[in-house]
Amino acid sequence: MNNPRDPDPQAPAMDNPIHVSAADDPIHEAAAEWFVRLRQRDLPLETSLQWQQWIGADARHAKAFARIEEVWEESWEMLDRPGVRPRRTARLAMAAAMVAAVGIGAWMVGMDGPYTWRYPAGEAIRTAVGENHEVRLNDGSRVMLGGGTVLNARLDNKTRHIRLVQGEAFFVVARDSARPFVVQSGDAIVTAVGTEFNVRRTLERTMVAVIDGRVTVAAASLPRPLAWLNTDTPVQLDAGEQATVGSNGVKTAARLADPTTATAWQSGQLAFREEPLRYVIEDVNRYAPKPIVIDAAAAQDIGALRVTGTVLGDSVSGWIESLENAFGLRAREEPDRIVLTRRSP
């Protein structure tokens, strides 16, 4: 009798089999290590910036990170047992162990049989820094991707599942009541049938804004197969409302002061209202010719500054100058980045 984790020699070959082994591919090992680190609470800003630099350094990094997320979600299906509700710390410990196993052992993705780990066929959809691009999915839905965005789409006759790995996307969903349209972004799971909504992901949180129709937003510190482990009640968002999702759950829905600001990035403008500078920089860096970072010695102080205003995607340098004037900062240009520090007295 075959081990259920071994491929059935009589089964037809699956598309796109992928062998993930740290010994053979150190990029996957690094991606697994980053994945575990990023699940920690109170993640230091410096670590967040290091992760962004690692992702942006090589297109293979983002692809490997997305693959680790996929394997992690699919492998949890084996452990999905109704009636078991371990504490969050235990869940994350198990998650860390599972992902670490991906990084140090040989796993086969795309095997047939009762324990099936599938990676969606085809490459991830991605945009370069400063590039907005629209794609049409095979169900008729349209997705506008912002700069520096990576997502995976898996659509079949039963499910429509999108994973936003990084960046921002606007979804115009084709109505299909038999196949809910699910977007997973960090700790957020957004479910819709036919509607228009925007999802923006930073390292620590996801912001969801509904332009037309209605969506349901739930927190999932574990992937969808174990979403039932979360006790938070899903939040329903109607047109003109938004919600923020992080490791602490979903914040109460709030009205958008101006719904057009949620999609202004499509016309080259990034609009912010009382947002911490550390999050704003993550978004601006998806359009900046040179990455902006905050000096580690003042990361907590500068990162907490609240920013309101509009950044033009083709005039990031002018925005940096306005930051210097408004908050008493100094932008130090280095060969590969711009560092924000406090101006000396």
C-alpha atoms as a PDB file:
ATOM      1  CA  MET A   1       0.000   0.000   0.000  1.00  0.00           C
ATOM      2  CA  ASN A   2       1.312   3.410  -0.915  1.00  0.00           C
ATOM      3  CA  ASN A   3       2.110   5.985   1.738  1.00  0.00           C
ATOM      4  CA  PRO A   4      -0.568   8.718   1.343  1.00  0.00           C
ATOM      5  CA  ARG A   5       2.182  11.292   1.016  1.00  0.00           C
ATOM      6  CA  ASP A   6       3.804   9.436  -1.871  1.00  0.00           C
ATOM      7  CA  PRO A   7       2.534   9.970  -5.418  1.00  0.00           C
ATOM      8  CA  ASP A   8       0.399   7.177  -6.805  1.00  0.00           C
ATOM      9  CA  PRO A   9       2.427   5.584  -9.607  1.00  0.00           C
ATOM     10  CA  GLN A  10      -0.836   4.874 -11.465  1.00  0.00           C
ATOM     11  CA  ALA A  11      -2.115   8.444 -11.174  1.00  0.00           C
ATOM     12  CA  PRO A  12      -1.756  10.837 -14.104  1.00  0.00           C
ATOM     13  CA  ALA A  13       0.921  13.464 -13.756  1.00  0.00           C
ATOM     14  CA  MET A  14      -0.220  16.844 -12.480  1.00  0.00           C
ATOM     15  CA  ASP A  15       0.658  20.089 -14.206  1.00  0.00           C
ATOM     16  CA  ASN A  16       3.567  22.047 -12.838  1.00  0.00           C
ATOM     17  CA  PRO A  17       5.031  19.654 -10.222  1.00  0.00           C
ATOM     18  CA  ILE A  18       7.419  21.593  -8.008  1.00  0.00           C
ATOM     19  CA  HIS A  19      10.096  20.131  -5.759  1.00  0.00           C
ATOM     20  CA  VAL A  20      10.811  22.465  -2.851  1.00  0.00           C
ATOM     21  CA  SER A  21      14.039  21.623  -1.071  1.00  0.00           C
ATOM     22  CA  ALA A  22      16.321  23.921   0.895  1.00  0.00           C
ATOM     23  CA  ALA A  23      19.299  21.830  -0.084  1.00  0.00           C
ATOM     24  CA  ASP A  24      18.519  22.367  -3.754  1.00  0.00           C
ATOM     25  CA  ASP A  25      17.065  25.870  -3.552  1.00  0.00           C
ATOM     26  CA  PRO A  26      18.325  28.268  -0.852  1.00  0.00           C
ATOM     27  CA  ILE A  27      15.829  30.889  -2.032  1.00  0.00           C
ATOM     28  CA  HIS A  28      12.967  28.726  -0.747  1.00  0.00           C
ATOM     29  CA  GLU A  29      14.773  28.245   2.549  1.00  0.00           C
ATOM     30  CA  ALA A  30      15.109  32.015   2.926  1.00  0.00           C
ATOM     31  CA  ALA A  31      11.453  32.499   1.952  1.00  0.00           C
ATOM     32  CA  ALA A  32      10.364  30.001   4.616  1.00  0.00           C
ATOM     33  CA  GLU A  33      12.470  31.765   7.255  1.00  0.00           C
ATOM     34  CA  TRP A  34      10.976  35.133   6.296  1.00  0.00           C
ATOM     35  CA  PHE A  35       7.480  33.655   6.391  1.00  0.00           C
ATOM     36  CA  VAL A  36       7.932  32.505   9.991  1.00  0.00           C
ATOM     37  CA  ARG A  37       9.480  35.811  11.088  1.00  0.00           C
ATOM     38  CA  LEU A  38       6.681  37.876   9.553  1.00  0.00           C
ATOM     39  CA  ARG A  39       4.010  36.028  11.558  1.00  0.00           C
ATOM     40  CA  GLN A  40       5.387  37.372  14.837  1.00  0.00           C
ATOM     41  CA  ARG A  41       3.515  40.026  16.782  1.00  0.00           C
ATOM     42  CA  ASP A  42       5.067  43.479  17.228  1.00  0.00           C
ATOM     43  CA  LEU A  43       7.330  43.005  14.240  1.00  0.00           C
ATOM     44  CA  PRO A  44      10.122  45.642  14.285  1.00  0.00           C
ATOM     45  CA  LEU A  45       9.908  48.193  11.488  1.00  0.00           C
ATOM     46  CA  GLU A  46      13.504  47.475  10.560  1.00  0.00           C
ATOM     47  CA  THR A  47      12.624  43.835   9.910  1.00  0.00           C
ATOM     48  CA  SER A  48       9.721  44.952   7.724  1.00  0.00           C
ATOM     49  CA  LEU A  49      12.039  47.110   5.640  1.00  0.00           C
ATOM     50  CA  GLN A  50      14.588  44.293   5.331  1.00  0.00           C
ATOM     51  CA  TRP A  51      11.858  41.968   4.050  1.00  0.00           C
ATOM     52  CA  GLN A  52      10.766  44.528   1.459  1.00  0.00           C
ATOM     53  CA  GLN A  53      14.354  44.871   0.257  1.00  0.00           C
ATOM     54  CA  TRP A  54      14.718  41.084   0.027  1.00  0.00           C
ATOM     55  CA  ILE A  55      11.470  40.744  -1.961  1.00  0.00           C
ATOM     56  CA  GLY A  56      12.473  43.523  -4.356  1.00  0.00           C
ATOM     57  CA  ALA A  57      16.013  42.288  -4.902  1.00  0.00           C
ATOM     58  CA  ASP A  58      15.064  39.397  -7.192  1.00  0.00           C
ATOM     59  CA  ALA A  59      11.813  38.358  -8.897  1.00  0.00           C
ATOM     60  CA  ARG A  60      12.472  34.799  -7.719  1.00  0.00           C
ATOM     61  CA  HIS A  61      12.165  35.922  -4.098  1.00  0.00           C
ATOM     62  CA  ALA A  62       8.536  37.039  -4.457  1.00  0.00           C
ATOM     63  CA  LYS A  63       7.720  33.891  -6.390  1.00  0.00           C
ATOM     64  CA  ALA A  64       9.266  31.642  -3.725  1.00  0.00           C
ATOM     65  CA  PHE A  65       7.501  33.538  -0.934  1.00  0.00           C
ATOM     66  CA  ALA A  66       4.141  33.098  -2.699  1.00  0.00           C
ATOM     67  CA  ARG A  67       4.883  29.404  -3.126  1.00  0.00           C
ATOM     68  CA  ILE A  68       5.641  28.997   0.591  1.00  0.00           C
ATOM     69  CA  GLU A  69       2.291  30.649   1.408  1.00  0.00           C
ATOM     70  CA  GLU A  70       0.540  28.256  -0.966  1.00  0.00           C
ATOM     71  CA  VAL A  71       2.196  25.148   0.463  1.00  0.00           C
ATOM     72  CA  TRP A  72       1.457  26.307   4.003  1.00  0.00           C
ATOM     73  CA  GLU A  73      -2.246  26.763   3.272  1.00  0.00           C
ATOM     74  CA  GLU A  74      -2.672  23.509   1.400  1.00  0.00           C
ATOM     75  CA  SER A  75      -0.718  21.430   3.923  1.00  0.00           C
ATOM     76  CA  TRP A  76      -2.936  22.638   6.767  1.00  0.00           C
ATOM     77  CA  GLU A  77      -5.851  20.823   5.175  1.00  0.00           C
ATOM     78  CA  MET A  78      -4.410  17.600   6.595  1.00  0.00           C
ATOM     79  CA  LEU A  79      -4.686  18.979  10.138  1.00  0.00           C
ATOM     80  CA  ASP A  80      -8.145  20.519   9.768  1.00  0.00           C
ATOM     81  CA  ARG A  81     -10.171  18.671  12.388  1.00  0.00           C
ATOM     82  CA  PRO A  82     -13.556  20.149  13.505  1.00  0.00           C
ATOM     83  CA  GLY A  83     -13.972  20.671  17.240  1.00  0.00           C
ATOM     84  CA  VAL A  84     -10.334  21.455  17.972  1.00  0.00           C
ATOM     85  CA  ARG A  85      -9.595  25.035  19.019  1.00  0.00           C
ATOM     86  CA  PRO A  86      -5.967  25.390  20.137  1.00  0.00           C
ATOM     87  CA  ARG A  87      -4.798  28.731  21.493  1.00  0.00           C
ATOM     88  CA  ARG A  88      -3.350  31.239  19.051  1.00  0.00           C
ATOM     89  CA  THR A  89       0.184  30.712  20.399  1.00  0.00           C
ATOM     90  CA  ALA A  90      -0.117  26.973  19.801  1.00  0.00           C
ATOM     91  CA  ARG A  91      -1.516  27.551  16.314  1.00  0.00           C
ATOM     92  CA  LEU A  92       1.362  29.820  15.372  1.00  0.00           C
ATOM     93  CA  ALA A  93       3.884  27.387  16.849  1.00  0.00           C
ATOM     94  CA  MET A  94       2.440  24.634  14.669  1.00  0.00           C
ATOM     95  CA  ALA A  95       2.473  26.980  11.694  1.00  0.00           C
ATOM     96  CA  ALA A  96       6.115  27.852  12.285  1.00  0.00           C
ATOM     97  CA  ALA A  97       7.032  24.181  12.506  1.00  0.00           C
ATOM     98  CA  MET A  98       5.130  23.420   9.307  1.00  0.00           C
ATOM     99  CA  VAL A  99       6.777  26.202   7.318  1.00  0.00           C
ATOM    100  CA  ALA A 100      10.189  25.367   8.740  1.00  0.00           C
ATOM    101  CA  ALA A 101       9.659  21.842   7.434  1.00  0.00           C
ATOM    102  CA  VAL A 102       9.047  23.292   3.990  1.00  0.00           C
ATOM    103  CA  GLY A 103      12.340  25.133   4.242  1.00  0.00           C
ATOM    104  CA  ILE A 104      14.483  22.193   5.392  1.00  0.00           C
ATOM    105  CA  GLY A 105      12.802  19.167   3.863  1.00  0.00           C
ATOM    106  CA  ALA A 106      11.835  17.991   0.417  1.00  0.00           C
ATOM    107  CA  TRP A 107       8.140  18.499  -0.328  1.00  0.00           C
ATOM    108  CA  MET A 108       6.342  17.714  -3.567  1.00  0.00           C
ATOM    109  CA  VAL A 109       3.719  20.199  -4.733  1.00  0.00           C
ATOM    110  CA  GLY A 110       1.202  19.003  -7.276  1.00  0.00           C
ATOM    111  CA  MET A 111       0.904  15.366  -6.149  1.00  0.00           C
ATOM    112  CA  ASP A 112      -2.227  13.393  -6.728  1.00  0.00           C
ATOM    113  CA  GLY A 113      -3.938  11.374  -4.010  1.00  0.00           C
ATOM    114  CA  PRO A 114      -5.851  12.069  -0.766  1.00  0.00           C
ATOM    115  CA  TYR A 115      -3.233  14.542   0.476  1.00  0.00           C
ATOM    116  CA  THR A 116      -2.898  16.946  -2.398  1.00  0.00           C
ATOM    117  CA  TRP A 117      -0.796  20.078  -2.282  1.00  0.00           C
ATOM    118  CA  ARG A 118      -1.400  22.066  -5.409  1.00  0.00           C
ATOM    119  CA  TYR A 119       0.310  25.158  -6.687  1.00  0.00           C
ATOM    120  CA  PRO A 120      -1.750  26.999  -9.313  1.00  0.00           C
ATOM    121  CA  ALA A 121      -0.489  26.373 -12.813  1.00  0.00           C
ATOM    122  CA  GLY A 122       1.138  29.350 -14.497  1.00  0.00           C
ATOM    123  CA  GLU A 123       3.242  32.187 -13.205  1.00  0.00           C
ATOM    124  CA  ALA A 124       2.199  34.694 -10.577  1.00  0.00           C
ATOM    125  CA  ILE A 125       0.747  37.922 -11.949  1.00  0.00           C
ATOM    126  CA  ARG A 126       3.092  40.778 -11.109  1.00  0.00           C
ATOM    127  CA  THR A 127       3.840  44.395 -11.919  1.00  0.00           C
ATOM    128  CA  ALA A 128       7.097  46.305 -11.757  1.00  0.00           C
ATOM    129  CA  VAL A 129       7.694  49.299  -9.520  1.00  0.00           C
ATOM    130  CA  GLY A 130       5.758  52.254 -10.930  1.00  0.00           C
ATOM    131  CA  GLU A 131       3.649  50.089 -13.256  1.00  0.00           C
ATOM    132  CA  ASN A 132      -0.157  49.805 -13.125  1.00  0.00           C
ATOM    133  CA  HIS A 133      -1.614  47.008 -15.214  1.00  0.00           C
ATOM    134  CA  GLU A 134      -5.074  45.527 -15.799  1.00  0.00           C
ATOM    135  CA  VAL A 135      -5.713  41.816 -16.328  1.00  0.00           C
ATOM    136  CA  ARG A 136      -8.910  39.936 -17.130  1.00  0.00           C
ATOM    137  CA  LEU A 137      -9.533  36.602 -15.430  1.00  0.00           C
ATOM    138  CA  ASN A 138     -11.162  33.706 -17.229  1.00  0.00           C
ATOM    139  CA  ASP A 139     -14.443  34.193 -15.307  1.00  0.00           C
ATOM    140  CA  GLY A 140     -14.834  37.703 -16.741  1.00  0.00           C
ATOM    141  CA  SER A 141     -13.605  39.512 -13.620  1.00  0.00           C
ATOM    142  CA  ARG A 142     -11.149  42.370 -14.048  1.00  0.00           C
ATOM    143  CA  VAL A 143      -8.210  43.155 -11.782  1.00  0.00           C
ATOM    144  CA  MET A 144      -6.205  46.367 -11.849  1.00  0.00           C
ATOM    145  CA  LEU A 145      -2.794  45.857 -10.241  1.00  0.00           C
ATOM    146  CA  GLY A 146      -0.861  48.752  -8.752  1.00  0.00           C
ATOM    147  CA  GLY A 147       2.909  49.130  -8.907  1.00  0.00           C
ATOM    148  CA  GLY A 148       5.074  46.486  -7.273  1.00  0.00           C
ATOM    149  CA  THR A 149       2.166  44.067  -6.876  1.00  0.00           C
ATOM    150  CA  VAL A 150       2.217  40.264  -6.895  1.00  0.00           C
ATOM    151  CA  LEU A 151      -0.851  38.019  -6.836  1.00  0.00           C
ATOM    152  CA  ASN A 152      -1.816  34.457  -7.638  1.00  0.00           C
ATOM    153  CA  ALA A 153      -5.196  33.491  -9.079  1.00  0.00           C
ATOM    154  CA  ARG A 154      -6.769  30.050  -8.894  1.00  0.00           C
ATOM    155  CA  LEU A 155     -10.112  29.696 -10.662  1.00  0.00           C
ATOM    156  CA  ASP A 156     -11.859  26.419 -11.387  1.00  0.00           C
ATOM    157  CA  ASN A 157     -15.448  25.196 -11.582  1.00  0.00           C
ATOM    158  CA  LYS A 158     -15.839  25.318  -7.794  1.00  0.00           C
ATOM    159  CA  THR A 159     -13.711  28.166  -6.480  1.00  0.00           C
ATOM    160  CA  ARG A 160     -12.323  31.583  -7.314  1.00  0.00           C
ATOM    161  CA  HIS A 161      -9.382  32.211  -5.018  1.00  0.00           C
ATOM    162  CA  ILE A 162      -6.944  35.137  -5.235  1.00  0.00           C
ATOM    163  CA  ARG A 163      -3.886  35.583  -3.036  1.00  0.00           C
ATOM    164  CA  LEU A 164      -2.489  39.123  -2.855  1.00  0.00           C
ATOM    165  CA  VAL A 165       1.139  38.533  -1.932  1.00  0.00           C
ATOM    166  CA  GLN A 166       2.115  42.194  -1.898  1.00  0.00           C
ATOM    167  CA  GLY A 167       0.930  45.549  -3.185  1.00  0.00           C
ATOM    168  CA  GLU A 168      -2.539  46.750  -4.160  1.00  0.00           C
ATOM    169  CA  ALA A 169      -5.320  45.635  -6.476  1.00  0.00           C
ATOM    170  CA  PHE A 170      -8.789  46.770  -7.494  1.00  0.00           C
ATOM    171  CA  PHE A 171     -11.287  44.012  -8.281  1.00  0.00           C
ATOM    172  CA  VAL A 172     -14.351  44.225 -10.520  1.00  0.00           C
ATOM    173  CA  VAL A 173     -15.918  40.840  -9.837  1.00  0.00           C
ATOM    174  CA  ALA A 174     -18.108  39.006 -12.353  1.00  0.00           C
ATOM    175  CA  ARG A 175     -21.252  37.806 -10.588  1.00  0.00           C
ATOM    176  CA  ASP A 176     -21.376  34.062  -9.926  1.00  0.00           C
ATOM    177  CA  SER A 177     -23.373  33.067  -6.845  1.00  0.00           C
ATOM    178  CA  ALA A 178     -22.157  29.469  -7.100  1.00  0.00           C
ATOM    179  CA  ARG A 179     -18.505  30.533  -6.847  1.00  0.00           C
ATOM    180  CA  PRO A 180     -17.756  33.199  -4.237  1.00  0.00           C
ATOM    181  CA  PHE A 181     -14.769  35.348  -5.105  1.00  0.00           C
ATOM    182  CA  VAL A 182     -12.244  35.102  -2.250  1.00  0.00           C
ATOM    183  CA  VAL A 183      -9.213  37.340  -1.842  1.00  0.00           C
ATOM    184  CA  GLN A 184      -6.665  36.395   0.795  1.00  0.00           C
ATOM    185  CA  SER A 185      -4.247  39.152   1.780  1.00  0.00           C
ATOM    186  CA  GLY A 186      -2.121  38.657   4.865  1.00  0.00           C
ATOM    187  CA  ASP A 187      -4.511  38.237   7.796  1.00  0.00           C
ATOM    188  CA  ALA A 188      -7.555  39.239   5.726  1.00  0.00           C
ATOM    189  CA  ILE A 189     -10.046  37.072   3.872  1.00  0.00           C
ATOM    190  CA  VAL A 190     -12.412  39.068   1.658  1.00  0.00           C
ATOM    191  CA  THR A 191     -15.409  37.277   0.158  1.00  0.00           C
ATOM    192  CA  ALA A 192     -17.640  38.665  -2.595  1.00  0.00           C
ATOM    193  CA  VAL A 193     -19.989  37.408  -5.292  1.00  0.00           C
ATOM    194  CA  GLY A 194     -20.199  40.381  -7.652  1.00  0.00           C
ATOM    195  CA  THR A 195     -18.903  43.767  -6.576  1.00  0.00           C
ATOM    196  CA  GLU A 196     -16.065  46.305  -6.865  1.00  0.00           C
ATOM    197  CA  PHE A 197     -13.517  46.686  -4.092  1.00  0.00           C
ATOM    198  CA  ASN A 198      -9.924  47.686  -3.428  1.00  0.00           C
ATOM    199  CA  VAL A 199      -7.394  45.727  -1.366  1.00  0.00           C
ATOM    200  CA  ARG A 200      -4.124  47.270  -0.209  1.00  0.00           C
ATOM    201  CA  ARG A 201      -1.574  45.155   1.618  1.00  0.00           C
ATOM    202  CA  THR A 202       1.341  46.318   3.707  1.00  0.00           C
ATOM    203  CA  LEU A 203       3.490  44.045   5.795  1.00  0.00           C
ATOM    204  CA  GLU A 204       1.444  44.413   8.985  1.00  0.00           C
ATOM    205  CA  ARG A 205      -2.090  44.999   7.742  1.00  0.00           C
ATOM    206  CA  THR A 206      -4.582  44.902   4.876  1.00  0.00           C
ATOM    207  CA  MET A 207      -7.024  47.693   4.034  1.00  0.00           C
ATOM    208  CA  VAL A 208     -10.260  46.840   2.208  1.00  0.00           C
ATOM    209  CA  ALA A 209     -12.469  49.536   0.630  1.00  0.00           C
ATOM    210  CA  VAL A 210     -15.761  48.789  -1.125  1.00  0.00           C
ATOM    211  CA  ILE A 211     -16.731  50.971  -4.073  1.00  0.00           C
ATOM    212  CA  ASP A 212     -19.865  49.138  -5.200  1.00  0.00           C
ATOM    213  CA  GLY A 213     -21.857  46.237  -3.780  1.00  0.00           C
ATOM    214  CA  ARG A 214     -20.980  44.378  -0.592  1.00  0.00           C
ATOM    215  CA  VAL A 215     -18.198  42.141   0.734  1.00  0.00           C
ATOM    216  CA  THR A 216     -17.531  40.161   3.902  1.00  0.00           C
ATOM    217  CA  VAL A 217     -14.186  40.640   5.646  1.00  0.00           C
ATOM    218  CA  ALA A 218     -12.807  38.126   8.144  1.00  0.00           C
ATOM    219  CA  ALA A 219      -9.523  37.827   9.993  1.00  0.00           C
ATOM    220  CA  ALA A 220      -7.498  34.682   9.504  1.00  0.00           C
ATOM    221  CA  SER A 221      -4.160  34.413  11.254  1.00  0.00           C
ATOM    222  CA  LEU A 222      -4.267  30.905   9.823  1.00  0.00           C
ATOM    223  CA  PRO A 223      -5.110  30.169   6.181  1.00  0.00           C
ATOM    224  CA  ARG A 224      -8.619  29.512   4.949  1.00  0.00           C
ATOM    225  CA  PRO A 225      -8.741  25.772   5.696  1.00  0.00           C
ATOM    226  CA  LEU A 226      -8.431  26.679   9.400  1.00  0.00           C
ATOM    227  CA  ALA A 227     -10.427  29.914   9.328  1.00  0.00           C
ATOM    228  CA  TRP A 228     -12.937  28.325  11.716  1.00  0.00           C
ATOM    229  CA  LEU A 229     -10.267  28.541  14.451  1.00  0.00           C
ATOM    230  CA  ASN A 230     -10.802  32.297  14.606  1.00  0.00           C
ATOM    231  CA  THR A 231     -13.522  33.545  16.927  1.00  0.00           C
ATOM    232  CA  ASP A 232     -13.835  37.015  15.410  1.00  0.00           C
ATOM    233  CA  THR A 233     -17.180  37.754  13.775  1.00  0.00           C
ATOM    234  CA  PRO A 234     -16.804  38.629  10.065  1.00  0.00           C
ATOM    235  CA  VAL A 235     -17.518  42.250   9.196  1.00  0.00           C
ATOM    236  CA  GLN A 236     -19.839  43.160   6.342  1.00  0.00           C
ATOM    237  CA  LEU A 237     -18.795  46.156   4.262  1.00  0.00           C
ATOM    238  CA  ASP A 238     -21.174  48.064   1.991  1.00  0.00           C
ATOM    239  CA  ALA A 239     -20.320  50.554  -0.739  1.00  0.00           C
ATOM    240  CA  GLY A 240     -18.452  53.538   0.679  1.00  0.00           C
ATOM    241  CA  GLU A 241     -17.052  51.626   3.694  1.00  0.00           C
ATOM    242  CA  GLN A 242     -13.617  50.358   4.564  1.00  0.00           C
ATOM    243  CA  ALA A 243     -11.972  48.143   7.181  1.00  0.00           C
ATOM    244  CA  THR A 244      -8.437  47.378   8.304  1.00  0.00           C
ATOM    245  CA  VAL A 245      -7.317  43.846   9.132  1.00  0.00           C
ATOM    246  CA  GLY A 246      -4.222  42.936  11.115  1.00  0.00           C
ATOM    247  CA  SER A 247      -3.002  40.271  13.505  1.00  0.00           C
ATOM    248  CA  ASN A 248      -5.465  41.560  16.120  1.00  0.00           C
ATOM    249  CA  GLY A 249      -8.498  41.030  13.903  1.00  0.00           C
ATOM    250  CA  VAL A 250     -10.830  43.270  11.904  1.00  0.00           C
ATOM    251  CA  LYS A 251     -11.373  46.847  12.978  1.00  0.00           C
ATOM    252  CA  THR A 252     -14.942  48.132  12.902  1.00  0.00           C
ATOM    253  CA  ALA A 253     -16.106  49.252   9.489  1.00  0.00           C
ATOM    254  CA  ALA A 254     -15.822  52.979   8.854  1.00  0.00           C
ATOM    255  CA  ARG A 255     -17.209  55.309   6.204  1.00  0.00           C
ATOM    256  CA  LEU A 256     -14.825  56.564   3.565  1.00  0.00           C
ATOM    257  CA  ALA A 257     -14.674  60.341   3.720  1.00  0.00           C
ATOM    258  CA  ASP A 258     -14.145  60.333  -0.042  1.00  0.00           C
ATOM    259  CA  PRO A 259     -14.507  56.937  -1.790  1.00  0.00           C
ATOM    260  CA  THR A 260     -12.531  58.152  -4.805  1.00  0.00           C
ATOM    261  CA  THR A 261      -9.352  58.296  -2.699  1.00  0.00           C
ATOM    262  CA  ALA A 262      -9.339  54.485  -2.418  1.00  0.00           C
ATOM    263  CA  THR A 263      -8.802  54.132  -6.158  1.00  0.00           C
ATOM    264  CA  ALA A 264      -6.928  57.361  -6.906  1.00  0.00           C
ATOM    265  CA  TRP A 265      -3.743  55.331  -7.410  1.00  0.00           C
ATOM    266  CA  GLN A 266      -5.129  54.166 -10.751  1.00  0.00           C
ATOM    267  CA  SER A 267      -4.677  57.708 -12.066  1.00  0.00           C
ATOM    268  CA  GLY A 268      -1.213  58.147 -10.572  1.00  0.00           C
ATOM    269  CA  GLN A 269      -2.139  59.581  -7.163  1.00  0.00           C
ATOM    270  CA  LEU A 270      -1.657  57.955  -3.758  1.00  0.00           C
ATOM    271  CA  ALA A 271      -4.068  59.474  -1.235  1.00  0.00           C
ATOM    272  CA  PHE A 272      -3.568  59.124   2.531  1.00  0.00           C
ATOM    273  CA  ARG A 273      -5.552  60.328   5.520  1.00  0.00           C
ATOM    274  CA  GLU A 274      -3.978  60.258   8.988  1.00  0.00           C
ATOM    275  CA  GLU A 275      -1.903  57.172   8.191  1.00  0.00           C
ATOM    276  CA  PRO A 276       1.375  56.305   9.956  1.00  0.00           C
ATOM    277  CA  LEU A 277       4.366  57.212   7.827  1.00  0.00           C
ATOM    278  CA  ARG A 278       5.754  53.659   7.987  1.00  0.00           C
ATOM    279  CA  TYR A 279       2.699  52.395   6.064  1.00  0.00           C
ATOM    280  CA  VAL A 280       2.734  55.317   3.666  1.00  0.00           C
ATOM    281  CA  ILE A 281       6.358  54.627   2.761  1.00  0.00           C
ATOM    282  CA  GLU A 282       5.530  50.998   1.943  1.00  0.00           C
ATOM    283  CA  ASP A 283       2.967  52.223  -0.588  1.00  0.00           C
ATOM    284  CA  VAL A 284       5.100  55.022  -2.008  1.00  0.00           C
ATOM    285  CA  ASN A 285       8.012  52.618  -2.508  1.00  0.00           C
ATOM    286  CA  ARG A 286       5.903  50.755  -5.058  1.00  0.00           C
ATOM    287  CA  TYR A 287       6.251  53.848  -7.260  1.00  0.00           C
ATOM    288  CA  ALA A 288       9.533  55.377  -6.095  1.00  0.00           C
ATOM    289  CA  PRO A 289      12.560  55.220  -8.430  1.00  0.00           C
ATOM    290  CA  LYS A 290      14.738  54.586  -5.358  1.00  0.00           C
ATOM    291  CA  PRO A 291      13.470  52.864  -2.136  1.00  0.00           C
ATOM    292  CA  ILE A 292      12.797  55.092   0.864  1.00  0.00           C
ATOM    293  CA  VAL A 293      13.740  53.742   4.297  1.00  0.00           C
ATOM    294  CA  ILE A 294      13.639  55.174   7.806  1.00  0.00           C
ATOM    295  CA  ASP A 295      16.864  55.363   9.763  1.00  0.00           C
ATOM    296  CA  ALA A 296      16.852  52.467  12.245  1.00  0.00           C
ATOM    297  CA  ALA A 297      17.774  54.711  15.182  1.00  0.00           C
ATOM    298  CA  ALA A 298      14.574  56.746  14.736  1.00  0.00           C
ATOM    299  CA  ALA A 299      12.316  54.078  13.218  1.00  0.00           C
ATOM    300  CA  GLN A 300       9.634  54.076  15.919  1.00  0.00           C
ATOM    301  CA  ASP A 301       9.507  57.868  16.200  1.00  0.00           C
ATOM    302  CA  ILE A 302       9.480  58.735  12.500  1.00  0.00           C
ATOM    303  CA  GLY A 303       7.403  55.721  11.494  1.00  0.00           C
ATOM    304  CA  ALA A 304       4.555  56.816  13.785  1.00  0.00           C
ATOM    305  CA  LEU A 305       4.201  60.281  12.211  1.00  0.00           C
ATOM    306  CA  ARG A 306       0.676  60.746  10.807  1.00  0.00           C
ATOM    307  CA  VAL A 307       0.467  61.712   7.148  1.00  0.00           C
ATOM    308  CA  THR A 308      -2.449  63.261   5.268  1.00  0.00           C
ATOM    309  CA  GLY A 309      -2.228  64.262   1.644  1.00  0.00           C
ATOM    310  CA  THR A 310      -1.620  63.084  -1.903  1.00  0.00           C
ATOM    311  CA  VAL A 311       1.559  61.734  -3.436  1.00  0.00           C
ATOM    312  CA  LEU A 312       1.933  61.942  -7.209  1.00  0.00           C
ATOM    313  CA  GLY A 313       3.493  58.752  -8.502  1.00  0.00           C
ATOM    314  CA  ASP A 314       5.731  60.657 -10.918  1.00  0.00           C
ATOM    315  CA  SER A 315       6.844  63.230  -8.335  1.00  0.00           C
ATOM    316  CA  VAL A 316       8.012  61.269  -5.309  1.00  0.00           C
ATOM    317  CA  SER A 317      11.003  63.574  -4.863  1.00  0.00           C
ATOM    318  CA  GLY A 318       8.687  66.541  -4.324  1.00  0.00           C
ATOM    319  CA  TRP A 319       6.768  64.595  -1.676  1.00  0.00           C
ATOM    320  CA  ILE A 320       9.991  63.722   0.159  1.00  0.00           C
ATOM    321  CA  GLU A 321      10.884  67.416   0.233  1.00  0.00           C
ATOM    322  CA  SER A 322       7.476  68.212   1.734  1.00  0.00           C
ATOM    323  CA  LEU A 323       8.108  65.612   4.464  1.00  0.00           C
ATOM    324  CA  GLU A 324      11.381  67.290   5.318  1.00  0.00           C
ATOM    325  CA  ASN A 325       9.670  70.654   5.698  1.00  0.00           C
ATOM    326  CA  ALA A 326       6.577  69.427   7.544  1.00  0.00           C
ATOM    327  CA  PHE A 327       8.212  67.134  10.098  1.00  0.00           C
ATOM    328  CA  GLY A 328      11.746  68.422  10.460  1.00  0.00           C
ATOM    329  CA  LEU A 329      13.271  65.440   8.671  1.00  0.00           C
ATOM    330  CA  ARG A 330      16.323  65.072   6.485  1.00  0.00           C
ATOM    331  CA  ALA A 331      16.465  62.845   3.410  1.00  0.00           C
ATOM    332  CA  ARG A 332      19.937  61.406   2.905  1.00  0.00           C
ATOM    333  CA  GLU A 333      20.427  60.003  -0.581  1.00  0.00           C
ATOM    334  CA  GLU A 334      22.606  56.929  -0.873  1.00  0.00           C
ATOM    335  CA  PRO A 335      23.498  54.943  -4.002  1.00  0.00           C
ATOM    336  CA  ASP A 336      20.668  52.439  -3.584  1.00  0.00           C
ATOM    337  CA  ARG A 337      18.167  54.162  -1.275  1.00  0.00           C
ATOM    338  CA  ILE A 338      16.962  57.333   0.431  1.00  0.00           C
ATOM    339  CA  VAL A 339      17.202  57.364   4.224  1.00  0.00           C
ATOM    340  CA  LEU A 340      14.909  59.534   6.362  1.00  0.00           C
ATOM    341  CA  THR A 341      16.388  60.814   9.619  1.00  0.00           C
ATOM    342  CA  ARG A 342      15.638  63.528  12.140  1.00  0.00           C
ATOM    343  CA  ARG A 343      17.202  66.861  11.255  1.00  0.00           C
ATOM    344  CA  SER A 344      19.969  67.845  13.655  1.00  0.00           C
ATOM    345  CA  PRO A 345      19.176  70.866  15.881  1.00  0.00           C
END
